[in-house]
């Protein structure tokens, strides 16, 4: 399988970021990471292998992760295509994936299976996946 030119990554939990970025490194040449947090968390993303880091600012208690969907969608829309967006398979990750999918005119496949993806006639420009390597995933495409 050839690699994508870019894979976008976001995790609202720093402990999951390394796992998601490891998957991104296998799938793409460039890893662009959205970081919601401190300068230390931005530095951690670089240390994990991020090619580009997009700082969303420090975490505010009055905002939820989905509030950043507009900013993220604009960055993703302006990037190279085809691309992949990896998000954690948490309630927040799936909600963010749904918002991003809607903003970027993407469809939804909640339990993707390789056979379904292999039979797909279209080659989407943008894929959204809220995924845990261990279990659940949601796949969005445009």
N, C-alpha and C. Protein backbone atom coordinates (compact mmCIF):
# COMPACT_ATOMS: atom_id res chain seq x y z
N UNK A 1 0.84 -1.17 0.00
CA UNK A 1 0.00 0.00 0.00
C UNK A 1 0.88 1.24 0.00
N UNK A 2 0.63 2.15 -0.91
CA UNK A 2 1.40 3.39 -0.94
C UNK A 2 0.90 4.32 0.17
N UNK A 3 1.78 5.16 0.62
CA UNK A 3 1.44 6.07 1.70
C UNK A 3 0.74 7.32 1.16
N UNK A 4 -0.10 7.89 2.00
CA UNK A 4 -0.73 9.16 1.69
C UNK A 4 0.30 10.27 1.88
N UNK A 5 0.09 11.37 1.21
CA UNK A 5 1.03 12.48 1.37
C UNK A 5 0.93 13.11 2.75
N UNK A 6 -0.26 13.07 3.36
CA UNK A 6 -0.44 13.70 4.66
C UNK A 6 -1.48 12.95 5.48
N UNK A 7 -1.21 12.82 6.77
CA UNK A 7 -2.17 12.28 7.73
C UNK A 7 -2.30 13.30 8.85
N UNK A 8 -3.55 13.70 9.14
CA UNK A 8 -3.84 14.63 10.22
C UNK A 8 -4.15 13.82 11.47
N UNK A 9 -3.72 14.32 12.62
CA UNK A 9 -3.93 13.61 13.88
C UNK A 9 -4.41 14.59 14.94
N UNK A 10 -5.36 14.13 15.76
CA UNK A 10 -5.78 14.90 16.92
C UNK A 10 -6.16 13.94 18.03
N UNK A 11 -5.76 14.27 19.24
CA UNK A 11 -6.23 13.55 20.42
C UNK A 11 -6.38 14.56 21.54
N UNK A 12 -7.51 14.50 22.23
CA UNK A 12 -7.73 15.40 23.35
C UNK A 12 -7.06 14.87 24.62
N UNK A 13 -6.41 13.72 24.50
CA UNK A 13 -5.74 13.10 25.63
C UNK A 13 -4.30 12.80 25.20
N UNK A 14 -3.35 13.41 25.87
CA UNK A 14 -1.94 13.29 25.49
C UNK A 14 -1.47 11.84 25.52
N UNK A 15 -2.02 11.02 26.39
CA UNK A 15 -1.56 9.63 26.49
C UNK A 15 -1.94 8.81 25.25
N UNK A 16 -2.99 9.21 24.53
CA UNK A 16 -3.39 8.50 23.31
C UNK A 16 -2.64 8.97 22.07
N UNK A 17 -2.03 10.13 22.16
CA UNK A 17 -1.41 10.74 20.99
C UNK A 17 -0.31 9.86 20.39
N UNK A 18 0.52 9.27 21.22
CA UNK A 18 1.61 8.43 20.72
C UNK A 18 1.08 7.25 19.93
N UNK A 19 0.02 6.64 20.40
CA UNK A 19 -0.58 5.48 19.72
C UNK A 19 -1.16 5.88 18.37
N UNK A 20 -1.86 7.00 18.34
CA UNK A 20 -2.47 7.46 17.09
C UNK A 20 -1.38 7.88 16.10
N UNK A 21 -0.35 8.55 16.58
CA UNK A 21 0.73 8.98 15.69
C UNK A 21 1.52 7.79 15.14
N UNK A 22 1.65 6.73 15.92
CA UNK A 22 2.33 5.53 15.41
C UNK A 22 1.58 4.96 14.22
N UNK A 23 0.26 4.95 14.30
CA UNK A 23 -0.56 4.50 13.17
C UNK A 23 -0.44 5.44 11.99
N UNK A 24 -0.41 6.74 12.27
CA UNK A 24 -0.28 7.74 11.21
C UNK A 24 1.05 7.60 10.46
N UNK A 25 2.10 7.28 11.19
CA UNK A 25 3.42 7.13 10.57
C UNK A 25 3.45 5.97 9.58
N UNK A 26 2.64 4.96 9.82
CA UNK A 26 2.58 3.82 8.90
C UNK A 26 1.77 4.15 7.65
N UNK A 27 0.89 5.16 7.76
CA UNK A 27 -0.04 5.46 6.67
C UNK A 27 0.33 6.68 5.83
N UNK A 28 1.16 7.56 6.37
CA UNK A 28 1.45 8.79 5.64
C UNK A 28 2.89 9.22 5.71
N UNK A 29 3.29 10.01 4.72
CA UNK A 29 4.64 10.55 4.68
C UNK A 29 4.79 11.74 5.62
N UNK A 30 3.75 12.55 5.73
CA UNK A 30 3.76 13.75 6.57
C UNK A 30 2.68 13.58 7.64
N UNK A 31 3.00 13.90 8.88
CA UNK A 31 2.02 13.82 9.97
C UNK A 31 1.78 15.23 10.48
N UNK A 32 0.56 15.72 10.29
CA UNK A 32 0.16 17.03 10.78
C UNK A 32 -0.70 16.82 12.02
N UNK A 33 -0.31 17.45 13.12
CA UNK A 33 -0.97 17.21 14.40
C UNK A 33 -1.63 18.49 14.90
N UNK A 34 -2.89 18.36 15.31
CA UNK A 34 -3.58 19.44 16.01
C UNK A 34 -3.31 19.23 17.50
N UNK A 35 -2.83 20.28 18.17
CA UNK A 35 -2.56 20.18 19.60
C UNK A 35 -3.40 21.21 20.34
N UNK A 36 -4.14 20.73 21.30
CA UNK A 36 -4.92 21.57 22.20
C UNK A 36 -4.24 21.47 23.55
N UNK A 37 -3.42 22.47 23.88
CA UNK A 37 -2.70 22.39 25.14
C UNK A 37 -1.54 23.36 25.23
N UNK A 38 -0.64 23.05 26.12
CA UNK A 38 0.49 23.91 26.45
C UNK A 38 1.64 23.75 25.46
N UNK A 39 2.65 24.58 25.64
CA UNK A 39 3.85 24.48 24.82
C UNK A 39 4.53 23.13 25.03
N UNK A 40 4.44 22.57 26.23
CA UNK A 40 5.02 21.26 26.50
C UNK A 40 4.33 20.18 25.66
N UNK A 41 3.03 20.29 25.48
CA UNK A 41 2.30 19.32 24.66
C UNK A 41 2.62 19.49 23.18
N UNK A 42 2.88 20.71 22.76
CA UNK A 42 3.30 20.96 21.38
C UNK A 42 4.67 20.34 21.15
N UNK A 43 5.56 20.53 22.09
CA UNK A 43 6.91 19.93 22.00
C UNK A 43 6.83 18.41 22.01
N UNK A 44 5.92 17.85 22.80
CA UNK A 44 5.75 16.40 22.84
C UNK A 44 5.30 15.86 21.49
N UNK A 45 4.42 16.59 20.80
CA UNK A 45 3.97 16.16 19.47
C UNK A 45 5.14 16.14 18.48
N UNK A 46 5.99 17.16 18.55
CA UNK A 46 7.19 17.18 17.70
C UNK A 46 8.10 16.00 18.03
N UNK A 47 8.27 15.72 19.32
CA UNK A 47 9.13 14.63 19.76
C UNK A 47 8.60 13.28 19.29
N UNK A 48 7.28 13.16 19.14
CA UNK A 48 6.67 11.91 18.68
C UNK A 48 6.76 11.73 17.17
N UNK A 49 7.25 12.75 16.46
CA UNK A 49 7.43 12.61 15.03
C UNK A 49 6.53 13.47 14.16
N UNK A 50 5.84 14.43 14.74
CA UNK A 50 4.98 15.31 13.94
C UNK A 50 5.82 16.12 12.96
N UNK A 51 5.37 16.16 11.71
CA UNK A 51 6.02 16.98 10.71
C UNK A 51 5.59 18.43 10.86
N UNK A 52 4.29 18.62 11.09
CA UNK A 52 3.71 19.94 11.30
C UNK A 52 2.82 19.88 12.54
N UNK A 53 2.83 20.94 13.33
CA UNK A 53 1.96 21.02 14.50
C UNK A 53 1.13 22.29 14.40
N UNK A 54 -0.18 22.13 14.51
CA UNK A 54 -1.12 23.25 14.49
C UNK A 54 -1.63 23.45 15.92
N UNK A 55 -1.21 24.53 16.55
CA UNK A 55 -1.61 24.81 17.93
C UNK A 55 -3.01 25.42 17.96
N UNK A 56 -3.90 24.79 18.69
CA UNK A 56 -5.27 25.27 18.84
C UNK A 56 -5.43 26.15 20.07
N UNK A 57 -4.34 26.39 20.77
CA UNK A 57 -4.39 27.18 22.01
C UNK A 57 -4.43 26.26 23.22
N UNK A 58 -4.41 26.87 24.37
CA UNK A 58 -4.46 26.09 25.60
C UNK A 58 -5.89 25.66 25.86
N UNK A 59 -6.02 24.53 26.53
CA UNK A 59 -7.33 23.96 26.85
C UNK A 59 -8.10 24.91 27.77
N UNK A 60 -9.32 25.22 27.39
CA UNK A 60 -10.20 26.07 28.20
C UNK A 60 -11.31 25.21 28.76
N UNK A 61 -11.60 25.37 30.04
CA UNK A 61 -12.62 24.53 30.68
C UNK A 61 -14.02 24.82 30.16
N UNK A 62 -14.24 25.99 29.59
CA UNK A 62 -15.58 26.34 29.10
C UNK A 62 -15.82 25.89 27.65
N UNK A 63 -14.83 25.24 27.02
CA UNK A 63 -14.98 24.80 25.64
C UNK A 63 -14.83 23.29 25.54
N UNK A 64 -15.55 22.71 24.59
CA UNK A 64 -15.42 21.28 24.33
C UNK A 64 -14.63 21.10 23.03
N UNK A 65 -14.13 19.91 22.83
CA UNK A 65 -13.28 19.62 21.68
C UNK A 65 -13.96 19.97 20.36
N UNK A 66 -15.24 19.69 20.25
CA UNK A 66 -15.96 19.94 19.00
C UNK A 66 -15.98 21.42 18.62
N UNK A 67 -15.74 22.31 19.59
CA UNK A 67 -15.71 23.75 19.30
C UNK A 67 -14.58 24.12 18.33
N UNK A 68 -13.60 23.26 18.19
CA UNK A 68 -12.46 23.53 17.32
C UNK A 68 -12.65 22.97 15.91
N UNK A 69 -13.81 22.43 15.62
CA UNK A 69 -14.06 21.79 14.32
C UNK A 69 -13.89 22.76 13.14
N UNK A 70 -14.35 24.00 13.27
CA UNK A 70 -14.22 24.95 12.16
C UNK A 70 -12.75 25.19 11.81
N UNK A 71 -11.96 25.44 12.82
CA UNK A 71 -10.53 25.70 12.60
C UNK A 71 -9.86 24.49 11.97
N UNK A 72 -10.17 23.32 12.50
CA UNK A 72 -9.57 22.09 11.99
C UNK A 72 -10.02 21.82 10.56
N UNK A 73 -11.31 22.00 10.29
CA UNK A 73 -11.84 21.75 8.94
C UNK A 73 -11.19 22.67 7.91
N UNK A 74 -10.97 23.93 8.28
CA UNK A 74 -10.32 24.87 7.36
C UNK A 74 -8.90 24.43 7.04
N UNK A 75 -8.18 23.98 8.06
CA UNK A 75 -6.80 23.52 7.83
C UNK A 75 -6.78 22.26 6.96
N UNK A 76 -7.68 21.33 7.25
CA UNK A 76 -7.73 20.07 6.48
C UNK A 76 -8.11 20.35 5.03
N UNK A 77 -9.11 21.21 4.83
CA UNK A 77 -9.57 21.54 3.47
C UNK A 77 -8.47 22.20 2.65
N UNK A 78 -7.59 22.95 3.30
CA UNK A 78 -6.52 23.63 2.59
C UNK A 78 -5.27 22.79 2.38
N UNK A 79 -5.27 21.56 2.90
CA UNK A 79 -4.10 20.71 2.80
C UNK A 79 -4.09 19.83 1.57
N UNK A 80 -3.06 19.00 1.47
CA UNK A 80 -2.92 18.05 0.36
C UNK A 80 -4.02 17.00 0.41
N UNK A 81 -4.39 16.51 -0.76
CA UNK A 81 -5.38 15.44 -0.86
C UNK A 81 -4.86 14.38 -1.81
N UNK A 82 -5.16 13.13 -1.62
CA UNK A 82 -6.01 12.62 -0.55
C UNK A 82 -5.31 12.68 0.80
N UNK A 83 -6.11 12.69 1.85
CA UNK A 83 -5.57 12.76 3.20
C UNK A 83 -6.40 11.89 4.13
N UNK A 84 -5.90 11.68 5.30
CA UNK A 84 -6.54 10.87 6.32
C UNK A 84 -6.50 11.65 7.61
N UNK A 85 -7.59 11.61 8.39
CA UNK A 85 -7.64 12.26 9.69
C UNK A 85 -7.90 11.18 10.73
N UNK A 86 -6.97 11.03 11.66
CA UNK A 86 -7.11 10.03 12.72
C UNK A 86 -7.48 10.71 14.03
N UNK A 87 -8.52 10.20 14.66
CA UNK A 87 -9.03 10.72 15.92
C UNK A 87 -9.26 9.55 16.87
N UNK A 88 -9.23 9.80 18.18
CA UNK A 88 -9.47 8.70 19.11
C UNK A 88 -10.93 8.23 19.04
N UNK A 89 -11.16 6.96 19.32
CA UNK A 89 -12.52 6.39 19.27
C UNK A 89 -13.22 6.59 20.60
N UNK A 90 -13.21 7.83 21.05
CA UNK A 90 -13.92 8.21 22.26
C UNK A 90 -15.21 8.92 21.86
N UNK A 91 -16.07 9.21 22.81
CA UNK A 91 -17.28 9.96 22.47
C UNK A 91 -16.91 11.31 21.86
N UNK A 92 -15.95 11.99 22.44
CA UNK A 92 -15.52 13.28 21.91
C UNK A 92 -14.87 13.14 20.53
N UNK A 93 -14.05 12.12 20.35
CA UNK A 93 -13.41 11.89 19.05
C UNK A 93 -14.43 11.62 17.96
N UNK A 94 -15.42 10.81 18.28
CA UNK A 94 -16.46 10.49 17.29
C UNK A 94 -17.34 11.70 17.00
N UNK A 95 -17.63 12.50 18.03
CA UNK A 95 -18.43 13.72 17.83
C UNK A 95 -17.66 14.70 16.95
N UNK A 96 -16.37 14.83 17.20
CA UNK A 96 -15.53 15.71 16.38
C UNK A 96 -15.46 15.20 14.95
N UNK A 97 -15.31 13.90 14.78
CA UNK A 97 -15.27 13.31 13.44
C UNK A 97 -16.57 13.59 12.70
N UNK A 98 -17.69 13.49 13.39
CA UNK A 98 -18.98 13.77 12.76
C UNK A 98 -19.07 15.23 12.32
N UNK A 99 -18.64 16.14 13.19
CA UNK A 99 -18.68 17.56 12.83
C UNK A 99 -17.75 17.86 11.66
N UNK A 100 -16.55 17.30 11.69
CA UNK A 100 -15.61 17.52 10.59
C UNK A 100 -16.16 16.92 9.29
N UNK A 101 -16.74 15.74 9.39
CA UNK A 101 -17.32 15.10 8.21
C UNK A 101 -18.41 15.96 7.60
N UNK A 102 -19.26 16.53 8.45
CA UNK A 102 -20.34 17.39 7.95
C UNK A 102 -19.79 18.66 7.32
N UNK A 103 -18.80 19.27 7.95
CA UNK A 103 -18.23 20.51 7.44
C UNK A 103 -17.49 20.31 6.12
N UNK A 104 -16.93 19.11 5.94
CA UNK A 104 -16.18 18.83 4.72
C UNK A 104 -16.95 17.95 3.75
N UNK A 105 -18.27 17.85 3.96
CA UNK A 105 -19.15 17.10 3.07
C UNK A 105 -18.73 15.64 2.95
N UNK A 106 -18.56 14.99 4.09
CA UNK A 106 -18.11 13.60 4.11
C UNK A 106 -19.24 12.67 4.54
N UNK A 107 -19.20 11.44 4.05
CA UNK A 107 -20.15 10.43 4.46
C UNK A 107 -19.62 9.69 5.68
N UNK A 108 -20.38 8.73 6.17
CA UNK A 108 -20.00 8.02 7.39
C UNK A 108 -20.15 6.52 7.24
N UNK A 109 -19.16 5.81 7.68
CA UNK A 109 -19.19 4.35 7.75
C UNK A 109 -18.73 4.01 9.16
N UNK A 110 -19.62 3.50 10.02
CA UNK A 110 -19.29 3.37 11.43
C UNK A 110 -18.46 2.15 11.78
N UNK A 111 -18.55 1.09 11.01
CA UNK A 111 -17.72 -0.09 11.27
C UNK A 111 -17.09 -0.53 9.96
N UNK A 112 -16.05 0.18 9.54
CA UNK A 112 -15.44 -0.15 8.25
C UNK A 112 -14.79 -1.52 8.27
N UNK A 113 -14.97 -2.23 7.19
CA UNK A 113 -14.31 -3.52 7.02
C UNK A 113 -13.52 -3.45 5.73
N UNK A 114 -12.38 -4.10 5.72
CA UNK A 114 -11.50 -4.05 4.56
C UNK A 114 -12.24 -4.45 3.28
N UNK A 115 -13.11 -5.44 3.33
CA UNK A 115 -13.81 -5.88 2.12
C UNK A 115 -14.70 -4.78 1.57
N UNK A 116 -15.34 -4.02 2.44
CA UNK A 116 -16.19 -2.92 2.00
C UNK A 116 -15.34 -1.84 1.35
N UNK A 117 -14.23 -1.51 1.98
CA UNK A 117 -13.36 -0.46 1.45
C UNK A 117 -12.72 -0.86 0.14
N UNK A 118 -12.36 -2.13 0.01
CA UNK A 118 -11.74 -2.61 -1.23
C UNK A 118 -12.71 -2.59 -2.39
N UNK A 119 -14.01 -2.78 -2.12
CA UNK A 119 -15.01 -2.80 -3.17
C UNK A 119 -15.48 -1.40 -3.58
N UNK A 120 -15.10 -0.39 -2.80
CA UNK A 120 -15.55 0.97 -3.08
C UNK A 120 -15.04 1.42 -4.44
N UNK A 121 -15.93 1.94 -5.24
CA UNK A 121 -15.57 2.39 -6.58
C UNK A 121 -14.91 3.77 -6.54
N UNK A 122 -15.32 4.59 -5.57
CA UNK A 122 -14.79 5.95 -5.52
C UNK A 122 -13.48 5.97 -4.73
N UNK A 123 -12.67 6.93 -5.05
CA UNK A 123 -11.43 7.16 -4.31
C UNK A 123 -11.58 8.51 -3.62
N UNK A 124 -11.98 8.52 -2.36
CA UNK A 124 -12.26 9.79 -1.68
C UNK A 124 -11.00 10.63 -1.49
N UNK A 125 -11.23 11.93 -1.39
CA UNK A 125 -10.14 12.87 -1.16
C UNK A 125 -9.77 12.96 0.31
N UNK A 126 -10.77 12.82 1.17
CA UNK A 126 -10.53 12.97 2.60
C UNK A 126 -11.18 11.80 3.34
N UNK A 127 -10.44 11.17 4.22
CA UNK A 127 -10.96 10.11 5.08
C UNK A 127 -10.87 10.58 6.52
N UNK A 128 -11.91 10.32 7.31
CA UNK A 128 -11.90 10.60 8.74
C UNK A 128 -12.07 9.29 9.45
N UNK A 129 -11.20 9.00 10.38
CA UNK A 129 -11.33 7.77 11.13
C UNK A 129 -11.11 8.05 12.60
N UNK A 130 -12.13 7.75 13.40
CA UNK A 130 -12.00 7.79 14.84
C UNK A 130 -11.71 6.36 15.23
N UNK A 131 -10.49 6.07 15.61
CA UNK A 131 -10.09 4.68 15.72
C UNK A 131 -9.23 4.38 16.92
N UNK A 132 -9.46 3.22 17.44
CA UNK A 132 -8.58 2.64 18.44
C UNK A 132 -8.02 1.38 17.82
N UNK A 133 -6.73 1.15 17.88
CA UNK A 133 -6.16 -0.05 17.29
C UNK A 133 -6.74 -1.32 17.89
N UNK A 134 -7.30 -1.21 19.08
CA UNK A 134 -7.82 -2.40 19.77
C UNK A 134 -9.26 -2.73 19.40
N UNK A 135 -10.07 -1.72 19.07
CA UNK A 135 -11.48 -2.04 18.91
C UNK A 135 -12.20 -1.11 17.95
N UNK A 136 -13.05 -0.26 18.48
CA UNK A 136 -14.04 0.50 17.73
C UNK A 136 -13.42 1.48 16.74
N UNK A 137 -14.17 1.77 15.68
CA UNK A 137 -13.74 2.81 14.75
C UNK A 137 -14.92 3.37 13.99
N UNK A 138 -14.75 4.57 13.49
CA UNK A 138 -15.75 5.20 12.63
C UNK A 138 -15.00 5.82 11.47
N UNK A 139 -15.45 5.59 10.27
CA UNK A 139 -14.73 6.08 9.09
C UNK A 139 -15.62 7.02 8.31
N UNK A 140 -15.07 8.17 7.98
CA UNK A 140 -15.80 9.17 7.23
C UNK A 140 -15.02 9.46 5.96
N UNK A 141 -15.71 9.62 4.84
CA UNK A 141 -15.00 9.95 3.61
C UNK A 141 -15.71 11.00 2.81
N UNK A 142 -14.92 11.69 1.97
CA UNK A 142 -15.48 12.70 1.07
C UNK A 142 -15.00 12.40 -0.33
